[in-house]
Amino acid sequence: MTLRRFSTVALAAFACAASVTFAAPFTSAEETEAKAAEAGDIIKTDDAEKESLTETAHSAAAPTYGSPIVTRMRVGGRVEAKGGEVQGIFMMVAVPLDCPEQKVQVVEEDFPAELGTVEFRTLPDVKKAEPGAKQMLISIPRLPSRQTAAAVVTYEIVTNRVMAPQETSALQIPTKIPRDLKTFTSTSPFINVGDRKIRDAVKEALELRVKDDETRKISAALGANGIGVAPLEAPASDANEKEQEEPDASSPKEKAGKGQTAAEAAAVAAEIEKLTDWQRVEALYDFVRAKVKYLNGAEDMPAVQALKEGKADCYGLSALFVAMCRTMKVPARMVWVDGHQYAEFYLEEEDGKGYWYPAQLAGTRAFGEMPTPMVIFQKGDNFRVPERRRERLRYATDHTTLSSSPKHKPRVVYVREQL
């Protein structure tokens, strides 16, 4: 944990105080990605194949990194004491995460002299565990009436494109899950691992893959709407539009395997056995994209609900894919960028060396690659923080606790500005 200390101001305590908690999710994905697209920061998918790779000595099964985008961003928190003194301010603010495809560098720290303390920590706080989130912890003992206190860091973030592996046939689902990956194979908030409906969806996805591969065709037909996410209606043919409708329980196509003879079922099972593990995960990916429509602005929902309703935002789509992967014993997790989410899944080579591969569920088809890099804040979907021990968090959100007069509530602002 990194610590920054500053002198504090001694002020008289006031008699009447109320405890207040503020929490906020990340800012709008659509606004962030649209601005980046207009500025040319988001690279079009078609350009990805034209870029030379930055790494040369690696396994053909490993993901590689293409040309990056460089982003400058101000991140931090601010509290404004509107009409009364504020005490015991404690802010948790998510900051950009260092990870294989992203490097984060501090350009400037703006911590006023009489702020209090600023610390940084990574989550989970477990030895040898890969960091999934980084937080700025801002402590302000007292803030006088009608004054403002803020702590802001300017970061330079270099985020690389992730290119698909050149060879996938030898990649396999881990037979023995490493200890640090077990959290990515079990149930977490909104990720319904092992649910009967999720199990049925996995079975259906694999059967559809070997029957006519229609889900892959529909998935490939879905394009971006200018900000990296899929439109409500699938473009192109009438067939695609029909497949994008909400599932009809009476339709035999929605019930793969129903009405089959024993010989037909055995033949389908034999074809599924021929699939590589990469193809199995890909079948889940295309199934989600074909069966669940992207709905901009929808509330975050559990994986089972997204499957049932047949429509969800980027979170719901990704949560369903992650739940299906984990149900098939494939480690998978959520990836949180500013106002947007996608997924990652984990496969390994025969020697046990494993890799994480991205999967963009909402938008132009991008399986095993991420051709449109976005600033990454967190990886994972089951966080615990010491200050909220009783809660399991889908992400380590911005969060503030403080005490103030009930008549004069302070204003809390989470700063996350792209420069």
Protein backbone atom coordinates (compact mmCIF):
# COMPACT_ATOMS: atom_id res chain seq x y z
CA MET A 1 0.00 0.00 0.00
CA THR A 2 1.35 3.42 -0.99
CA LEU A 3 0.91 6.24 1.53
CA ARG A 4 0.90 10.00 1.07
CA ARG A 5 0.72 12.07 4.30
CA PHE A 6 -0.18 15.71 4.74
CA SER A 7 -0.79 17.91 7.76
CA THR A 8 -4.30 18.12 9.15
CA VAL A 9 -6.29 21.06 10.45
CA ALA A 10 -7.53 20.92 14.06
CA LEU A 11 -11.09 22.21 14.24
CA ALA A 12 -13.69 22.18 17.00
CA ALA A 13 -16.20 19.37 16.73
CA PHE A 14 -19.82 20.25 16.25
CA ALA A 15 -22.56 18.84 18.42
CA CYS A 16 -25.07 17.46 15.91
CA ALA A 17 -23.76 15.17 13.17
CA ALA A 18 -25.23 12.54 10.87
CA SER A 19 -23.41 9.71 9.12
CA VAL A 20 -23.72 9.86 5.31
CA THR A 21 -22.62 7.36 2.66
CA PHE A 22 -22.19 8.10 -1.04
CA ALA A 23 -21.54 5.54 -3.78
CA ALA A 24 -21.33 5.92 -7.54
CA PRO A 25 -20.75 3.60 -10.52
CA PHE A 26 -18.49 4.43 -13.44
CA THR A 27 -19.50 7.14 -15.89
CA SER A 28 -21.36 6.63 -19.16
CA ALA A 29 -19.75 4.18 -21.56
CA GLU A 30 -21.56 5.61 -24.54
CA GLU A 31 -20.28 9.14 -23.90
CA THR A 32 -16.74 7.98 -23.20
CA GLU A 33 -16.48 5.72 -26.23
CA ALA A 34 -18.21 8.16 -28.56
CA LYS A 35 -15.77 10.93 -27.62
CA ALA A 36 -12.86 8.57 -28.12
CA ALA A 37 -14.18 7.53 -31.53
CA GLU A 38 -14.57 11.15 -32.63
CA ALA A 39 -11.04 11.92 -31.51
CA GLY A 40 -9.68 8.92 -33.35
CA ASP A 41 -8.58 7.19 -30.14
CA ILE A 42 -10.65 4.07 -30.75
CA ILE A 43 -9.17 2.03 -33.58
CA LYS A 44 -11.49 0.42 -36.08
CA THR A 45 -11.63 -3.36 -36.13
CA ASP A 46 -10.64 -3.50 -39.80
CA ASP A 47 -7.33 -1.77 -39.03
CA ALA A 48 -6.27 -4.37 -36.49
CA GLU A 49 -4.93 -6.84 -39.02
CA LYS A 50 -2.75 -4.15 -40.60
CA GLU A 51 -0.78 -3.41 -37.42
CA SER A 52 2.48 -5.17 -36.63
CA LEU A 53 2.64 -6.99 -33.32
CA THR A 54 4.77 -5.54 -30.57
CA GLU A 55 5.80 -8.93 -29.19
CA THR A 56 7.62 -11.50 -31.28
CA ALA A 57 9.00 -14.21 -28.98
CA HIS A 58 5.90 -15.97 -27.64
CA SER A 59 3.78 -19.06 -27.96
CA ALA A 60 1.43 -19.16 -30.95
CA ALA A 61 -1.38 -19.76 -28.47
CA ALA A 62 -0.65 -16.63 -26.45
CA PRO A 63 -2.47 -13.34 -27.03
CA THR A 64 -0.25 -10.64 -28.48
CA TYR A 65 -0.41 -6.88 -28.34
CA GLY A 66 -0.86 -4.46 -31.22
CA SER A 67 -0.55 -0.68 -31.45
CA PRO A 68 -1.77 1.11 -28.30
CA ILE A 69 -3.83 4.15 -27.54
CA VAL A 70 -2.48 6.67 -25.03
CA THR A 71 -4.96 8.35 -22.72
CA ARG A 72 -4.47 11.06 -20.11
CA MET A 73 -7.04 11.06 -17.36
CA ARG A 74 -7.64 12.90 -14.08
CA VAL A 75 -9.00 10.63 -11.36
CA GLY A 76 -9.83 11.42 -7.74
CA GLY A 77 -12.43 12.81 -5.38
CA ARG A 78 -13.73 16.15 -4.15
CA VAL A 79 -15.90 17.15 -1.19
CA GLU A 80 -17.60 20.55 -0.87
CA ALA A 81 -18.82 21.62 2.59
CA LYS A 82 -21.91 23.57 1.56
CA GLY A 83 -23.10 25.17 4.78
CA GLY A 84 -21.65 23.28 7.70
CA GLU A 85 -18.51 21.55 8.87
CA VAL A 86 -17.89 17.98 7.67
CA GLN A 87 -16.01 15.35 9.65
CA GLY A 88 -14.55 11.90 9.14
CA ILE A 89 -14.47 11.96 5.35
CA PHE A 90 -13.27 8.69 3.82
CA MET A 91 -13.37 8.20 0.04
CA MET A 92 -12.60 5.08 -2.01
CA VAL A 93 -11.98 5.89 -5.67
CA ALA A 94 -11.23 3.37 -8.44
CA VAL A 95 -8.13 4.22 -10.48
CA PRO A 96 -6.76 2.69 -13.72
CA LEU A 97 -5.29 -0.80 -13.34
CA ASP A 98 -1.84 -2.00 -14.36
CA CYS A 99 -2.26 -5.28 -16.27
CA PRO A 100 -0.50 -7.09 -19.14
CA GLU A 101 -2.20 -5.05 -21.87
CA GLN A 102 -2.17 -1.74 -19.99
CA LYS A 103 0.55 0.32 -18.31
CA VAL A 104 -0.32 3.19 -15.99
CA GLN A 105 2.01 6.06 -15.07
CA VAL A 106 1.43 8.95 -12.66
CA VAL A 107 1.98 12.30 -14.35
CA GLU A 108 0.90 14.64 -11.55
CA GLU A 109 -0.51 14.44 -8.03
CA ASP A 110 -2.66 17.28 -6.75
CA PHE A 111 -2.97 16.79 -3.00
CA PRO A 112 -3.52 20.07 -1.07
CA ALA A 113 -1.27 20.55 1.96
CA GLU A 114 -4.05 20.38 4.53
CA LEU A 115 -5.91 17.44 3.05
CA GLY A 116 -5.13 14.59 5.44
CA THR A 117 -3.84 11.33 3.94
CA VAL A 118 -4.00 9.60 0.58
CA GLU A 119 -3.23 5.90 0.25
CA PHE A 120 -3.35 3.40 -2.60
CA ARG A 121 -4.13 -0.31 -2.40
CA THR A 122 -4.78 -3.21 -4.74
CA LEU A 123 -7.52 -5.84 -4.47
CA PRO A 124 -7.71 -8.63 -3.68
CA ASP A 125 -5.34 -8.24 -0.74
CA VAL A 126 -4.05 -11.81 -1.04
CA LYS A 127 -0.47 -12.92 -1.53
CA LYS A 128 0.37 -14.04 -5.10
CA ALA A 129 -3.11 -13.06 -6.31
CA GLU A 130 -3.20 -11.06 -9.52
CA PRO A 131 -4.43 -7.52 -8.78
CA GLY A 132 -7.98 -7.04 -9.99
CA ALA A 133 -8.52 -3.46 -8.86
CA LYS A 134 -6.64 -0.46 -7.49
CA GLN A 135 -8.17 2.13 -5.19
CA MET A 136 -7.24 5.62 -4.02
CA LEU A 137 -8.17 6.04 -0.34
CA ILE A 138 -8.69 9.66 0.71
CA SER A 139 -9.02 10.54 4.41
CA ILE A 140 -10.00 14.05 5.53
CA PRO A 141 -10.51 14.41 9.31
CA ARG A 142 -12.38 17.74 9.15
CA LEU A 143 -13.46 20.14 6.46
CA PRO A 144 -14.57 23.67 7.50
CA SER A 145 -17.87 25.07 6.36
CA ARG A 146 -17.94 26.49 2.80
CA GLN A 147 -14.58 24.99 1.91
CA THR A 148 -13.58 22.35 -0.64
CA ALA A 149 -11.02 19.55 -0.38
CA ALA A 150 -9.89 17.40 -3.27
CA ALA A 151 -7.27 14.81 -4.19
CA VAL A 152 -6.69 14.24 -7.91
CA VAL A 153 -4.08 12.26 -9.83
CA THR A 154 -3.32 12.76 -13.52
CA TYR A 155 -2.46 9.46 -15.18
CA GLU A 156 -1.00 8.55 -18.55
CA ILE A 157 -2.46 5.21 -19.58
CA VAL A 158 -1.10 3.13 -22.45
CA THR A 159 -3.66 0.49 -23.46
CA ASN A 160 -2.73 -2.03 -26.15
CA ARG A 161 -4.95 -3.83 -28.56
CA VAL A 162 -5.17 -7.51 -27.74
CA MET A 163 -4.71 -9.64 -30.83
CA ALA A 164 -6.19 -13.15 -31.19
CA PRO A 165 -3.82 -16.10 -30.81
CA GLN A 166 -2.43 -17.60 -34.00
CA GLU A 167 -3.03 -21.19 -32.87
CA THR A 168 -5.92 -22.37 -30.70
CA SER A 169 -6.28 -26.12 -31.33
CA ALA A 170 -4.03 -27.12 -28.41
CA LEU A 171 -5.66 -24.79 -25.87
CA GLN A 172 -7.69 -26.61 -23.23
CA ILE A 173 -9.86 -26.10 -20.19
CA PRO A 174 -7.65 -26.46 -17.07
CA THR A 175 -7.92 -29.92 -15.55
CA LYS A 176 -6.67 -28.60 -12.21
CA ILE A 177 -7.70 -25.05 -11.37
CA PRO A 178 -4.86 -23.03 -9.82
CA ARG A 179 -5.70 -21.61 -6.42
CA ASP A 180 -5.61 -18.00 -7.62
CA LEU A 181 -8.17 -18.80 -10.35
CA LYS A 182 -10.77 -20.62 -8.24
CA THR A 183 -12.69 -17.41 -7.59
CA PHE A 184 -13.24 -17.20 -11.36
CA THR A 185 -14.95 -20.59 -11.50
CA SER A 186 -17.51 -20.11 -8.72
CA THR A 187 -20.69 -18.12 -8.19
CA SER A 188 -20.35 -14.38 -7.58
CA PRO A 189 -22.87 -11.52 -7.47
CA PHE A 190 -25.10 -11.73 -10.58
CA ILE A 191 -23.02 -14.65 -11.98
CA ASN A 192 -25.33 -17.68 -11.56
CA VAL A 193 -22.90 -20.57 -11.98
CA GLY A 194 -24.46 -24.03 -12.25
CA ASP A 195 -28.07 -22.77 -12.41
CA ARG A 196 -30.26 -25.26 -14.27
CA LYS A 197 -31.20 -22.73 -16.94
CA ILE A 198 -27.55 -21.83 -17.42
CA ARG A 199 -26.64 -25.53 -17.75
CA ASP A 200 -29.39 -25.96 -20.34
CA ALA A 201 -28.09 -22.93 -22.25
CA VAL A 202 -24.57 -24.41 -22.33
CA LYS A 203 -25.94 -27.68 -23.70
CA GLU A 204 -28.03 -25.86 -26.30
CA ALA A 205 -25.12 -23.66 -27.40
CA LEU A 206 -22.89 -26.68 -28.04
CA GLU A 207 -25.63 -28.55 -29.90
CA LEU A 208 -26.42 -25.59 -32.10
CA ARG A 209 -22.73 -25.19 -32.90
CA VAL A 210 -22.43 -28.69 -34.36
CA LYS A 211 -25.84 -28.74 -36.04
CA ASP A 212 -25.89 -25.73 -38.34
CA ASP A 213 -23.71 -23.10 -36.66
CA GLU A 214 -26.54 -20.58 -37.08
CA THR A 215 -25.64 -18.74 -33.88
CA ARG A 216 -22.17 -17.96 -35.21
CA LYS A 217 -23.66 -16.49 -38.39
CA ILE A 218 -26.01 -14.27 -36.42
CA SER A 219 -23.22 -13.22 -34.04
CA ALA A 220 -21.00 -12.26 -36.98
CA ALA A 221 -23.82 -10.21 -38.52
CA LEU A 222 -24.08 -7.95 -35.48
CA GLY A 223 -22.09 -4.77 -36.05
CA ALA A 224 -21.06 -1.77 -34.03
CA ASN A 225 -23.32 1.30 -33.89
CA GLY A 226 -20.43 3.76 -33.80
CA ILE A 227 -19.46 3.38 -30.15
CA GLY A 228 -18.46 -0.25 -29.97
CA VAL A 229 -21.76 -1.84 -28.95
CA ALA A 230 -24.40 -3.76 -30.87
CA PRO A 231 -27.66 -2.20 -32.12
CA LEU A 232 -31.03 -3.35 -30.86
CA GLU A 233 -31.96 -4.88 -34.20
CA ALA A 234 -29.65 -7.15 -36.15
CA PRO A 235 -28.87 -5.71 -39.60
CA ALA A 236 -29.08 -7.34 -43.00
CA SER A 237 -31.32 -10.30 -43.82
CA ASP A 238 -34.81 -11.20 -42.66
CA ALA A 239 -33.36 -14.43 -41.31
CA ASN A 240 -31.12 -12.52 -38.96
CA GLU A 241 -33.98 -10.33 -37.80
CA LYS A 242 -36.01 -13.41 -37.04
CA GLU A 243 -33.23 -14.95 -34.98
CA GLN A 244 -32.85 -11.74 -32.98
CA GLU A 245 -36.43 -11.92 -31.71
CA GLU A 246 -36.95 -13.00 -28.13
CA PRO A 247 -36.85 -16.82 -27.79
CA ASP A 248 -40.17 -18.57 -28.33
CA ALA A 249 -40.55 -21.44 -25.89
CA SER A 250 -42.70 -23.29 -28.44
CA SER A 251 -40.05 -23.14 -31.15
CA PRO A 252 -38.19 -26.44 -31.63
CA LYS A 253 -35.06 -24.52 -32.59
CA GLU A 254 -34.93 -22.99 -29.12
CA LYS A 255 -34.96 -26.49 -27.63
CA ALA A 256 -31.97 -28.18 -29.17
CA GLY A 257 -32.05 -31.87 -28.43
CA LYS A 258 -35.81 -32.09 -27.80
CA GLY A 259 -37.58 -34.70 -29.93
CA GLN A 260 -34.35 -36.39 -31.00
CA THR A 261 -34.02 -40.13 -31.33
CA ALA A 262 -31.32 -41.85 -29.29
CA ALA A 263 -29.24 -42.30 -32.45
CA GLU A 264 -29.55 -38.60 -33.35
CA ALA A 265 -28.62 -37.51 -29.85
CA ALA A 266 -25.59 -39.81 -29.92
CA ALA A 267 -24.51 -38.38 -33.25
CA VAL A 268 -24.75 -34.81 -31.91
CA ALA A 269 -22.79 -35.80 -28.79
CA ALA A 270 -20.10 -37.33 -30.97
CA GLU A 271 -19.79 -34.12 -32.98
CA ILE A 272 -19.54 -32.06 -29.80
CA GLU A 273 -16.67 -34.30 -28.64
CA LYS A 274 -14.76 -33.29 -31.76
CA LEU A 275 -14.85 -29.60 -30.84
CA THR A 276 -11.72 -28.08 -29.40
CA ASP A 277 -12.07 -26.32 -26.08
CA TRP A 278 -11.58 -22.98 -27.86
CA GLN A 279 -14.52 -23.85 -30.14
CA ARG A 280 -16.63 -24.82 -27.13
CA VAL A 281 -16.09 -21.43 -25.48
CA GLU A 282 -16.70 -19.75 -28.83
CA ALA A 283 -20.03 -21.58 -29.09
CA LEU A 284 -21.10 -20.04 -25.76
CA TYR A 285 -20.00 -16.59 -26.95
CA ASP A 286 -21.97 -16.77 -30.21
CA PHE A 287 -25.00 -18.22 -28.42
CA VAL A 288 -25.20 -15.24 -26.06
CA ARG A 289 -24.83 -12.73 -28.88
CA ALA A 290 -27.46 -14.47 -31.01
CA LYS A 291 -30.02 -15.07 -28.28
CA VAL A 292 -29.79 -11.90 -26.17
CA LYS A 293 -30.29 -8.50 -27.77
CA TYR A 294 -28.20 -5.55 -26.67
CA LEU A 295 -30.40 -2.97 -24.93
CA ASN A 296 -28.71 0.36 -24.32
CA GLY A 297 -29.45 1.81 -20.90
CA ALA A 298 -30.86 -1.37 -19.37
CA GLU A 299 -30.21 -1.91 -15.67
CA ASP A 300 -27.54 -4.41 -14.70
CA MET A 301 -29.13 -7.81 -14.23
CA PRO A 302 -28.11 -11.33 -13.19
CA ALA A 303 -27.06 -13.77 -15.89
CA VAL A 304 -30.22 -15.87 -15.49
CA GLN A 305 -32.42 -12.82 -15.94
CA ALA A 306 -30.60 -11.76 -19.10
CA LEU A 307 -31.12 -15.25 -20.49
CA LYS A 308 -34.81 -15.25 -19.56
CA GLU A 309 -35.62 -11.77 -20.89
CA GLY A 310 -33.58 -12.14 -24.06
CA LYS A 311 -32.26 -8.59 -23.81
CA ALA A 312 -29.61 -6.88 -21.69
CA ASP A 313 -26.93 -4.20 -21.67
CA CYS A 314 -23.21 -4.90 -21.99
CA TYR A 315 -23.07 -6.02 -18.35
CA GLY A 316 -25.91 -8.53 -18.67
CA LEU A 317 -24.51 -10.00 -21.89
CA SER A 318 -21.04 -10.36 -20.36
CA ALA A 319 -22.40 -11.77 -17.09
CA LEU A 320 -24.31 -14.46 -18.98
CA PHE A 321 -21.22 -15.45 -20.96
CA VAL A 322 -19.11 -15.58 -17.78
CA ALA A 323 -21.75 -17.71 -16.01
CA MET A 324 -21.91 -20.13 -18.94
CA CYS A 325 -18.11 -20.40 -19.10
CA ARG A 326 -17.83 -21.13 -15.39
CA THR A 327 -20.63 -23.68 -15.62
CA MET A 328 -18.51 -25.44 -18.27
CA LYS A 329 -15.52 -25.27 -15.84
CA VAL A 330 -13.80 -22.51 -17.81
CA PRO A 331 -12.37 -19.70 -15.61
CA ALA A 332 -13.93 -16.40 -16.69
CA ARG A 333 -14.34 -12.88 -15.30
CA MET A 334 -15.76 -9.44 -15.95
CA VAL A 335 -13.58 -6.56 -17.16
CA TRP A 336 -14.61 -3.05 -16.15
CA VAL A 337 -13.71 -0.05 -18.28
CA ASP A 338 -15.18 3.41 -17.77
CA GLY A 339 -18.94 2.85 -18.08
CA HIS A 340 -18.67 -0.39 -20.02
CA GLN A 341 -17.97 -4.08 -19.44
CA TYR A 342 -16.70 -7.03 -21.42
CA ALA A 343 -15.45 -10.49 -20.43
CA GLU A 344 -12.29 -12.58 -20.32
CA PHE A 345 -11.90 -16.36 -20.31
CA TYR A 346 -8.91 -18.53 -19.42
CA LEU A 347 -7.48 -21.53 -21.28
CA GLU A 348 -4.10 -23.21 -21.02
CA GLU A 349 -1.62 -25.11 -23.13
CA GLU A 350 -0.69 -28.74 -22.55
CA ASP A 351 2.24 -27.72 -20.33
CA GLY A 352 -0.14 -25.87 -18.01
CA LYS A 353 0.79 -22.35 -19.11
CA GLY A 354 -2.42 -20.37 -19.32
CA TYR A 355 -3.65 -17.10 -20.78
CA TRP A 356 -6.61 -14.75 -20.43
CA TYR A 357 -8.46 -13.90 -23.64
CA PRO A 358 -10.96 -11.03 -24.04
CA ALA A 359 -14.47 -11.40 -25.43
CA GLN A 360 -16.51 -8.34 -26.43
CA LEU A 361 -20.14 -9.40 -26.10
CA ALA A 362 -21.75 -6.09 -27.13
CA GLY A 363 -20.57 -4.77 -30.46
CA THR A 364 -18.70 -5.99 -33.49
CA ARG A 365 -17.74 -9.64 -33.06
CA ALA A 366 -14.43 -9.81 -31.18
CA PHE A 367 -13.74 -13.22 -29.66
CA GLY A 368 -10.30 -13.81 -28.17
CA GLU A 369 -9.25 -10.29 -29.08
CA MET A 370 -9.89 -6.65 -28.20
CA PRO A 371 -9.30 -4.47 -31.26
CA THR A 372 -10.82 -1.37 -29.63
CA PRO A 373 -8.74 -0.69 -26.50
CA MET A 374 -10.42 1.17 -23.64
CA VAL A 375 -8.98 2.24 -20.29
CA ILE A 376 -9.25 -0.70 -17.88
CA PHE A 377 -10.20 -0.06 -14.25
CA GLN A 378 -10.92 -3.50 -12.82
CA LYS A 379 -10.88 -7.21 -13.63
CA GLY A 380 -13.12 -9.49 -11.62
CA ASP A 381 -16.64 -9.59 -10.19
CA ASN A 382 -16.36 -10.65 -6.55
CA PHE A 383 -14.49 -8.06 -4.48
CA ARG A 384 -14.32 -7.54 -0.74
CA VAL A 385 -13.02 -4.37 0.92
CA PRO A 386 -12.16 -4.05 4.63
CA GLU A 387 -14.60 -1.16 5.12
CA ARG A 388 -17.54 -3.20 3.78
CA ARG A 389 -16.72 -6.69 5.04
CA ARG A 390 -20.27 -7.97 4.93
CA GLU A 391 -20.70 -7.17 1.26
CA ARG A 392 -19.55 -9.00 -1.84
CA LEU A 393 -19.07 -6.40 -4.53
CA ARG A 394 -19.39 -6.91 -8.27
CA TYR A 395 -16.83 -4.12 -8.56
CA ALA A 396 -14.95 -2.02 -6.05
CA THR A 397 -17.05 1.05 -6.68
CA ASP A 398 -16.39 4.67 -5.75
CA HIS A 399 -17.69 5.06 -2.20
CA THR A 400 -17.67 7.75 0.52
CA THR A 401 -18.57 7.87 4.22
CA LEU A 402 -18.66 11.07 6.29
CA SER A 403 -20.45 12.91 9.08
CA SER A 404 -22.23 16.22 8.60
CA SER A 405 -25.08 18.32 9.87
CA PRO A 406 -28.44 17.02 8.61
CA LYS A 407 -29.28 20.58 7.52
CA HIS A 408 -26.16 21.02 5.40
CA LYS A 409 -25.37 17.99 3.29
CA PRO A 410 -21.99 18.23 1.55
CA ARG A 411 -21.47 17.66 -2.16
CA VAL A 412 -19.35 14.64 -3.09
CA VAL A 413 -17.82 14.48 -6.58
CA TYR A 414 -15.86 11.60 -8.09
CA VAL A 415 -13.41 12.95 -10.64
CA ARG A 416 -12.83 10.90 -13.77
CA GLU A 417 -12.01 13.22 -16.66
CA GLN A 418 -10.30 12.32 -19.91
CA LEU A 419 -7.91 15.08 -20.99
